[in-house]
N, C-alpha and C. Protein backbone atom coordinates (compact mmCIF):
# COMPACT_ATOMS: atom_id res chain seq x y z
N MET A 1 62.39 -116.05 171.45
CA MET A 1 63.42 -116.89 170.32
C MET A 1 62.67 -117.91 170.13
N SER A 2 62.87 -118.06 168.86
CA SER A 2 62.14 -119.18 167.76
C SER A 2 62.81 -120.54 167.95
N THR A 3 62.43 -121.40 167.40
CA THR A 3 63.05 -122.62 167.57
C THR A 3 64.19 -123.15 166.52
N SER A 4 64.48 -122.13 165.94
CA SER A 4 65.39 -122.13 164.49
C SER A 4 66.42 -121.03 164.71
N LEU A 5 67.55 -121.72 164.53
CA LEU A 5 68.89 -120.55 164.79
C LEU A 5 68.85 -119.79 163.57
N VAL A 6 68.63 -120.33 162.36
CA VAL A 6 68.32 -119.49 161.22
C VAL A 6 67.60 -118.55 161.37
N ALA A 7 66.21 -118.66 161.84
CA ALA A 7 65.23 -117.59 161.95
C ALA A 7 65.69 -116.57 162.85
N ASP A 8 66.42 -117.01 164.04
CA ASP A 8 66.84 -115.93 165.03
C ASP A 8 67.77 -114.96 164.51
N LEU A 9 68.90 -115.84 163.79
CA LEU A 9 70.05 -114.73 163.10
C LEU A 9 69.58 -113.96 162.07
N ARG A 10 68.27 -114.40 161.35
CA ARG A 10 67.77 -113.24 160.34
C ARG A 10 67.05 -112.49 160.93
N ALA A 11 66.16 -112.71 161.98
CA ALA A 11 65.27 -111.47 162.82
C ALA A 11 66.50 -110.71 163.20
N GLY A 12 67.61 -111.08 163.82
CA GLY A 12 68.44 -110.01 164.57
C GLY A 12 69.11 -109.34 163.63
N ARG A 13 69.51 -109.63 161.90
CA ARG A 13 69.79 -108.87 161.15
C ARG A 13 68.96 -108.12 160.65
N GLU A 14 67.51 -108.38 160.49
CA GLU A 14 66.66 -107.51 160.20
C GLU A 14 66.27 -106.23 161.08
N GLU A 15 66.44 -106.66 162.23
CA GLU A 15 66.23 -105.83 163.64
C GLU A 15 67.18 -104.63 163.22
N VAL A 16 68.48 -105.13 163.08
CA VAL A 16 69.61 -104.26 163.22
C VAL A 16 69.35 -103.19 162.02
N ALA A 17 69.22 -103.93 160.89
CA ALA A 17 69.12 -103.16 159.49
C ALA A 17 67.95 -102.17 159.84
N GLY A 18 66.94 -102.62 160.39
CA GLY A 18 65.74 -101.83 160.32
C GLY A 18 65.76 -100.42 161.36
N ALA A 19 66.70 -100.69 162.31
CA ALA A 19 66.87 -99.74 163.38
C ALA A 19 67.83 -98.65 162.98
N LEU A 20 68.67 -98.94 161.85
CA LEU A 20 69.70 -98.07 161.43
C LEU A 20 69.48 -97.11 160.27
N PRO A 21 70.03 -95.85 160.47
CA PRO A 21 69.96 -94.84 159.28
C PRO A 21 70.47 -95.65 157.96
N ALA A 22 69.99 -95.24 156.86
CA ALA A 22 70.35 -95.82 155.54
C ALA A 22 72.03 -95.91 155.55
N GLU A 23 72.57 -94.70 155.62
CA GLU A 23 74.07 -94.84 155.51
C GLU A 23 74.60 -95.67 156.74
N GLU A 24 74.11 -95.78 157.71
CA GLU A 24 74.88 -96.74 158.76
C GLU A 24 74.70 -98.29 158.41
N SER A 25 73.58 -98.57 157.80
CA SER A 25 73.20 -99.80 157.29
C SER A 25 74.26 -100.48 156.27
N ALA A 26 74.99 -99.35 155.81
CA ALA A 26 75.87 -100.06 154.42
C ALA A 26 76.66 -101.01 155.14
N PRO A 27 77.22 -101.21 156.09
CA PRO A 27 78.29 -102.31 156.22
C PRO A 27 77.58 -103.54 156.27
N LEU A 28 76.09 -103.43 156.56
CA LEU A 28 75.40 -104.61 156.82
C LEU A 28 75.22 -105.38 155.40
N ALA A 29 74.93 -104.33 154.54
CA ALA A 29 74.72 -104.79 153.02
C ALA A 29 76.21 -105.07 152.52
N HIS A 30 77.07 -104.44 152.74
CA HIS A 30 78.24 -104.90 152.26
C HIS A 30 78.58 -106.04 152.55
N ALA A 31 78.49 -106.48 153.96
CA ALA A 31 79.07 -107.77 154.44
C ALA A 31 78.31 -109.12 153.84
N ARG A 32 77.11 -108.80 153.30
CA ARG A 32 76.37 -109.98 152.98
C ARG A 32 76.23 -109.86 151.22
N ASP A 33 77.10 -108.96 150.73
CA ASP A 33 77.02 -108.96 149.48
C ASP A 33 77.42 -110.07 148.62
N SER A 34 76.80 -110.99 147.94
CA SER A 34 76.80 -112.28 147.57
C SER A 34 77.84 -112.20 146.42
N SER A 35 78.07 -110.91 145.79
CA SER A 35 79.15 -111.00 144.36
C SER A 35 80.30 -111.46 145.08
N ALA A 36 80.98 -111.36 146.15
CA ALA A 36 82.07 -111.65 146.56
C ALA A 36 82.14 -113.26 146.52
N SER A 37 82.29 -113.72 145.54
CA SER A 37 82.16 -115.18 145.54
C SER A 37 83.71 -115.93 145.64
N GLU A 38 84.58 -115.04 145.50
CA GLU A 38 86.07 -115.51 145.68
C GLU A 38 86.50 -115.97 147.27
N ARG A 39 86.68 -116.85 147.41
CA ARG A 39 86.86 -117.12 149.17
C ARG A 39 87.90 -116.37 149.56
N ALA A 40 88.96 -116.00 148.99
CA ALA A 40 89.75 -114.89 149.64
C ALA A 40 89.02 -113.57 150.33
N GLU A 41 88.27 -113.16 149.15
CA GLU A 41 87.51 -111.99 149.69
C GLU A 41 86.74 -112.09 150.79
N ARG A 42 85.83 -113.18 150.88
CA ARG A 42 85.05 -113.44 151.72
C ARG A 42 85.62 -113.56 153.05
N ASP A 43 86.92 -114.06 153.25
CA ASP A 43 87.76 -114.38 154.41
C ASP A 43 88.11 -112.86 154.78
N ARG A 44 88.77 -112.04 153.72
CA ARG A 44 89.06 -110.83 154.05
C ARG A 44 87.95 -110.08 154.79
N ARG A 45 86.55 -110.14 154.40
CA ARG A 45 85.42 -109.52 155.03
C ARG A 45 84.96 -110.03 156.14
N LEU A 46 85.31 -111.44 156.44
CA LEU A 46 85.16 -111.81 157.81
C LEU A 46 85.92 -111.06 158.98
N LYS A 47 87.39 -111.19 158.65
CA LYS A 47 88.29 -110.51 159.33
C LYS A 47 88.20 -109.26 159.70
N ALA A 48 87.64 -108.44 158.65
CA ALA A 48 87.18 -107.16 158.70
C ALA A 48 86.15 -106.84 159.77
N THR A 49 85.18 -107.85 159.65
CA THR A 49 83.80 -107.68 160.32
C THR A 49 84.30 -107.82 161.97
N VAL A 50 85.16 -108.76 161.82
CA VAL A 50 85.60 -109.08 163.50
C VAL A 50 86.36 -108.06 164.00
N LEU A 51 87.15 -107.33 163.43
CA LEU A 51 87.79 -106.29 163.86
C LEU A 51 86.72 -105.02 164.09
N SER A 52 85.90 -104.79 163.20
CA SER A 52 84.77 -103.85 163.50
C SER A 52 84.00 -104.00 164.62
N TYR A 53 83.62 -105.44 164.80
CA TYR A 53 82.88 -105.76 166.07
C TYR A 53 83.73 -105.23 167.26
N ARG A 54 85.05 -105.66 167.26
CA ARG A 54 85.85 -105.12 168.29
C ARG A 54 85.73 -103.82 168.79
N GLN A 55 85.68 -103.11 167.65
CA GLN A 55 85.59 -101.32 167.79
C GLN A 55 84.36 -100.89 168.18
N GLY A 56 83.04 -101.63 167.74
CA GLY A 56 81.81 -101.34 168.16
C GLY A 56 81.13 -100.35 166.88
N PRO A 57 79.85 -100.45 167.07
CA PRO A 57 79.03 -100.80 167.94
C PRO A 57 78.92 -102.14 167.90
N ARG A 58 78.96 -102.89 169.05
CA ARG A 58 78.90 -104.43 168.82
C ARG A 58 77.47 -104.89 168.42
N GLU A 59 76.36 -104.31 168.97
CA GLU A 59 75.14 -104.59 168.36
C GLU A 59 74.99 -104.65 166.94
N LEU A 60 75.62 -103.73 166.12
CA LEU A 60 75.52 -103.75 164.72
C LEU A 60 76.58 -104.93 164.10
N TRP A 61 77.58 -105.06 164.74
CA TRP A 61 78.64 -105.86 164.16
C TRP A 61 78.26 -107.31 164.44
N ALA A 62 77.54 -107.63 165.69
CA ALA A 62 77.25 -109.17 166.26
C ALA A 62 76.33 -109.50 165.09
N ALA A 63 75.38 -108.83 164.75
CA ALA A 63 74.40 -109.46 163.87
C ALA A 63 74.97 -109.59 162.66
N ILE A 64 75.84 -108.70 161.95
CA ILE A 64 76.66 -108.75 160.94
C ILE A 64 77.38 -110.02 160.87
N LEU A 65 78.37 -110.36 161.99
CA LEU A 65 79.27 -111.56 162.27
C LEU A 65 78.27 -112.68 162.28
N LEU A 66 77.21 -112.75 163.08
CA LEU A 66 76.75 -114.11 163.07
C LEU A 66 76.01 -114.46 161.77
N ASP A 67 75.44 -113.53 161.12
CA ASP A 67 74.94 -113.66 159.94
C ASP A 67 76.07 -114.38 158.85
N LEU A 68 77.12 -113.71 158.84
CA LEU A 68 78.11 -114.34 158.26
C LEU A 68 78.69 -115.83 158.39
N LEU A 69 78.35 -116.25 159.67
CA LEU A 69 79.02 -117.30 160.39
C LEU A 69 77.90 -118.28 160.52
N ALA A 70 76.74 -117.89 159.76
CA ALA A 70 75.57 -118.68 160.14
C ALA A 70 75.52 -120.34 159.73
N PRO A 71 76.15 -120.40 158.36
CA PRO A 71 76.22 -121.75 157.99
C PRO A 71 77.32 -122.56 158.92
N ALA A 72 78.24 -121.99 159.12
CA ALA A 72 79.09 -122.86 160.07
C ALA A 72 78.57 -122.98 161.44
N LEU A 73 77.74 -122.18 161.98
CA LEU A 73 77.16 -122.46 163.31
C LEU A 73 76.23 -123.64 163.34
N LEU A 74 75.39 -123.45 162.02
CA LEU A 74 74.41 -124.50 161.97
C LEU A 74 75.16 -125.93 161.95
N ALA A 75 76.33 -126.05 161.34
CA ALA A 75 76.88 -127.27 161.01
C ALA A 75 77.52 -127.56 162.38
N ARG A 76 77.95 -126.74 163.15
CA ARG A 76 78.50 -127.00 164.70
C ARG A 76 77.56 -127.51 165.58
N ILE A 77 76.41 -126.77 165.36
CA ILE A 77 75.16 -127.21 166.22
C ILE A 77 74.56 -128.62 166.20
N GLN A 78 74.86 -129.14 164.97
CA GLN A 78 74.36 -130.45 164.65
C GLN A 78 75.20 -131.60 165.32
N ARG A 79 76.32 -131.16 165.79
CA ARG A 79 77.33 -132.03 166.34
C ARG A 79 77.57 -131.93 167.96
N LEU A 80 76.82 -130.72 168.57
CA LEU A 80 76.64 -130.76 169.95
C LEU A 80 75.49 -131.30 170.68
N ARG A 81 75.50 -131.96 171.66
CA ARG A 81 74.72 -132.59 172.23
C ARG A 81 74.04 -132.06 173.58
N ALA A 82 72.66 -132.01 173.49
CA ALA A 82 72.23 -131.18 174.76
C ALA A 82 72.27 -132.32 176.11
N GLU A 83 72.09 -131.46 177.30
CA GLU A 83 72.05 -132.34 178.46
C GLU A 83 70.51 -132.08 179.40
N PRO A 84 69.61 -132.81 178.35
CA PRO A 84 68.55 -132.58 179.32
C PRO A 84 68.43 -133.34 180.69
N PRO A 85 67.59 -133.09 181.67
CA PRO A 85 66.63 -132.22 181.59
C PRO A 85 66.72 -130.74 181.80
N VAL A 86 68.11 -130.40 182.02
CA VAL A 86 68.67 -128.94 182.55
C VAL A 86 68.68 -128.20 181.27
N LEU A 87 69.62 -128.62 180.11
CA LEU A 87 69.97 -128.03 178.99
C LEU A 87 69.34 -128.44 177.90
N ASP A 88 68.33 -127.62 177.07
CA ASP A 88 68.03 -128.31 175.67
C ASP A 88 68.62 -127.70 174.53
N GLU A 89 67.98 -127.76 173.45
CA GLU A 89 68.76 -127.62 172.38
C GLU A 89 69.19 -125.88 172.22
N GLN A 90 68.00 -125.22 172.60
CA GLN A 90 68.05 -123.82 172.55
C GLN A 90 68.88 -123.28 173.27
N ASP A 91 68.93 -123.78 174.41
CA ASP A 91 69.98 -123.31 175.40
C ASP A 91 71.57 -123.60 174.88
N VAL A 92 71.97 -124.63 174.16
CA VAL A 92 73.01 -125.08 173.64
C VAL A 92 73.27 -123.97 172.36
N ARG A 93 72.45 -123.50 171.74
CA ARG A 93 72.40 -122.64 170.53
C ARG A 93 72.60 -121.24 171.35
N GLN A 94 72.18 -121.05 172.19
CA GLN A 94 72.59 -119.44 172.78
C GLN A 94 73.75 -119.51 173.23
N GLN A 95 74.34 -120.61 173.86
CA GLN A 95 75.74 -120.75 174.37
C GLN A 95 76.73 -120.81 173.17
N LEU A 96 76.44 -121.46 172.10
CA LEU A 96 77.35 -121.20 170.92
C LEU A 96 77.52 -119.81 170.41
N VAL A 97 76.08 -119.05 170.49
CA VAL A 97 76.34 -117.90 170.21
C VAL A 97 77.30 -117.20 171.04
N LEU A 98 77.18 -116.94 172.48
CA LEU A 98 77.63 -116.52 173.36
C LEU A 98 79.15 -116.72 173.20
N GLU A 99 79.60 -117.98 172.98
CA GLU A 99 80.81 -118.36 172.68
C GLU A 99 81.46 -117.78 171.63
N LEU A 100 80.75 -117.52 170.74
CA LEU A 100 81.47 -117.15 169.20
C LEU A 100 81.73 -115.54 169.35
N LEU A 101 80.85 -114.92 169.98
CA LEU A 101 80.75 -113.48 170.26
C LEU A 101 81.92 -113.15 171.17
N ARG A 102 82.13 -113.92 172.25
CA ARG A 102 83.49 -113.86 173.11
C ARG A 102 84.67 -114.13 172.36
N ALA A 103 84.43 -115.29 171.56
CA ALA A 103 85.88 -115.49 170.82
C ALA A 103 86.15 -114.24 169.90
N ALA A 104 85.22 -113.82 169.22
CA ALA A 104 85.38 -112.70 168.25
C ALA A 104 85.82 -111.44 168.96
N ALA A 105 85.44 -111.19 170.18
CA ALA A 105 86.20 -110.19 170.98
C ALA A 105 87.50 -110.29 171.64
N THR A 106 87.74 -111.48 171.92
CA THR A 106 88.89 -111.66 172.79
C THR A 106 90.04 -112.38 172.22
N MET A 107 89.90 -113.08 171.36
CA MET A 107 90.74 -114.15 171.12
C MET A 107 91.99 -113.47 170.10
N PRO A 108 93.03 -113.85 169.86
CA PRO A 108 94.07 -113.41 168.96
C PRO A 108 93.59 -113.94 167.72
N LEU A 109 93.94 -113.16 166.74
CA LEU A 109 93.11 -113.40 165.33
C LEU A 109 94.62 -114.04 164.55
N PRO A 110 94.19 -115.09 163.91
CA PRO A 110 95.12 -115.72 163.06
C PRO A 110 96.03 -114.60 162.16
N ALA A 111 97.22 -114.70 161.62
CA ALA A 111 97.57 -113.62 160.65
C ALA A 111 97.07 -113.76 159.08
N GLU A 112 96.68 -115.15 158.84
CA GLU A 112 96.06 -115.28 157.65
C GLU A 112 94.62 -115.29 157.55
N ASP A 113 94.10 -114.47 156.71
CA ASP A 113 92.50 -114.39 156.63
C ASP A 113 91.87 -115.67 156.56
N ARG A 114 92.36 -116.71 155.83
CA ARG A 114 91.45 -117.57 155.75
C ARG A 114 91.46 -118.66 156.88
N TYR A 115 92.19 -118.50 158.05
CA TYR A 115 92.19 -119.20 159.33
C TYR A 115 91.11 -118.60 160.31
N VAL A 116 90.50 -117.55 160.03
CA VAL A 116 89.66 -116.62 161.09
C VAL A 116 88.70 -117.32 161.35
N LYS A 117 87.80 -117.88 160.37
CA LYS A 117 86.49 -118.66 160.61
C LYS A 117 86.68 -119.90 161.26
N ALA A 118 87.98 -120.71 160.94
CA ALA A 118 87.90 -121.75 161.50
C ALA A 118 88.47 -121.72 163.13
N ALA A 119 89.13 -120.78 163.22
CA ALA A 119 89.65 -120.35 164.42
C ALA A 119 88.64 -120.13 165.83
N LEU A 120 87.83 -119.24 164.88
CA LEU A 120 86.37 -118.70 165.60
C LEU A 120 85.32 -119.88 165.87
N ILE A 121 84.98 -120.69 164.92
CA ILE A 121 84.27 -121.71 165.31
C ILE A 121 84.82 -122.73 166.20
N ALA A 122 85.92 -123.03 166.16
CA ALA A 122 86.95 -123.84 166.94
C ALA A 122 86.83 -123.65 168.49
N ARG A 123 87.08 -122.13 168.73
CA ARG A 123 86.93 -121.53 169.91
C ARG A 123 85.81 -121.57 170.62
N ALA A 124 84.71 -121.20 169.80
CA ALA A 124 83.33 -121.30 170.29
C ALA A 124 82.82 -122.80 170.85
N ASN A 125 83.16 -123.87 169.87
CA ASN A 125 82.92 -124.96 170.02
C ASN A 125 83.68 -125.65 171.17
N HIS A 126 84.92 -125.24 171.65
CA HIS A 126 85.60 -125.58 172.76
C HIS A 126 84.74 -125.24 174.02
N GLY A 127 84.61 -123.98 174.02
CA GLY A 127 83.73 -123.46 175.10
C GLY A 127 82.51 -124.14 175.43
N VAL A 128 81.61 -124.19 174.44
CA VAL A 128 80.52 -124.76 174.57
C VAL A 128 80.58 -126.36 175.05
N SER A 129 81.62 -127.06 174.23
CA SER A 129 81.99 -128.45 174.82
C SER A 129 82.52 -128.71 176.24
N ARG A 130 83.21 -127.45 176.54
CA ARG A 130 83.69 -127.78 178.00
C ARG A 130 82.27 -127.49 178.97
N TRP A 131 81.37 -126.40 178.50
CA TRP A 131 80.26 -125.96 179.36
C TRP A 131 79.31 -127.20 179.22
N LEU A 132 79.18 -128.13 178.40
CA LEU A 132 78.51 -129.30 178.19
C LEU A 132 78.93 -130.30 179.29
N ALA A 133 80.10 -130.54 179.18
CA ALA A 133 80.89 -131.51 179.87
C ALA A 133 80.74 -131.16 181.61
N ARG A 134 80.75 -129.90 181.76
CA ARG A 134 80.45 -129.59 183.22
C ARG A 134 79.38 -129.94 183.75
N GLU A 135 78.28 -129.66 182.72
CA GLU A 135 76.78 -129.93 183.10
C GLU A 135 76.88 -131.62 183.48
N ALA A 136 77.24 -132.30 182.33
CA ALA A 136 77.22 -133.83 182.44
C ALA A 136 77.83 -134.43 183.70
N ARG A 137 78.96 -133.83 184.17
CA ARG A 137 79.63 -134.07 185.27
C ARG A 137 78.67 -133.74 186.49
N ARG A 138 78.12 -132.58 186.63
CA ARG A 138 77.36 -131.81 187.61
C ARG A 138 76.04 -132.97 187.79
N GLN A 139 75.31 -133.43 186.78
CA GLN A 139 74.37 -134.33 186.57
C GLN A 139 74.95 -135.71 187.25
N MET A 140 76.06 -136.24 186.98
CA MET A 140 76.08 -137.44 187.40
C MET A 140 76.32 -137.50 188.89
N ASN A 141 76.70 -136.29 189.15
CA ASN A 141 77.13 -136.29 190.83
C ASN A 141 75.68 -135.97 191.72
N GLN A 142 74.63 -135.97 191.01
CA GLN A 142 73.43 -135.60 191.56
C GLN A 142 72.62 -136.84 192.21
N ARG A 143 72.17 -136.85 193.38
CA ARG A 143 71.20 -138.04 193.68
C ARG A 143 69.87 -137.64 193.55
N PRO A 144 69.30 -138.62 193.57
CA PRO A 144 67.66 -138.38 193.75
C PRO A 144 67.24 -137.81 195.29
N PHE A 145 66.22 -137.07 195.01
CA PHE A 145 65.81 -136.51 196.48
C PHE A 145 65.70 -137.61 197.37
N GLU A 146 64.75 -138.59 196.84
CA GLU A 146 64.31 -139.79 197.93
C GLU A 146 65.64 -140.35 198.48
N VAL A 147 66.88 -140.34 198.03
CA VAL A 147 67.97 -140.88 198.44
C VAL A 147 68.35 -140.16 199.49
N VAL A 148 68.54 -138.92 199.23
CA VAL A 148 68.99 -137.95 200.19
C VAL A 148 68.13 -137.66 201.35
N ALA A 149 66.90 -137.94 201.19
CA ALA A 149 65.67 -137.91 202.30
C ALA A 149 65.77 -138.87 203.20
N ASP A 150 66.04 -140.46 202.54
CA ASP A 150 66.20 -141.42 203.18
C ASP A 150 67.51 -141.61 204.03
N HIS A 151 68.74 -141.26 203.37
CA HIS A 151 69.74 -141.20 204.11
C HIS A 151 69.78 -140.02 205.35
N LYS A 152 69.01 -139.09 205.51
CA LYS A 152 69.32 -138.03 206.47
C LYS A 152 68.06 -138.80 207.69
N ARG A 153 67.48 -139.77 207.49
CA ARG A 153 66.59 -140.40 208.43
C ARG A 153 67.35 -141.34 209.49
């Protein structure tokens, strides 16, 4: 895995596109079609992609979904703080992607297409924030080994 979320998402999209026959790679090209400049059309495509992700094959649709949400993921990752020394930025990126895919697979989708993106990102952010808070609490409750060793003597 590289040090850049953008590079990872691009590599995943290209890997999926390269592994598929031409007729099966049409959803990938269609989802990335930049001619859909109208917001309502992009929102509709995102919701359709989430529904397709739920039906499968998830490997294909995950790459498309992550690619569509890459700008929002990048904006969100900037606001999340790692908990060193155990969790670094790469761990946080991976957890955000995991939480986003989990949200896409399981959460109830909003009735209106325009709220799907915000709901997915909010759910993923909530999951990562809770994960980071648990790690921070765990680290606060740890004592240095020297203190534990001296206490046992």
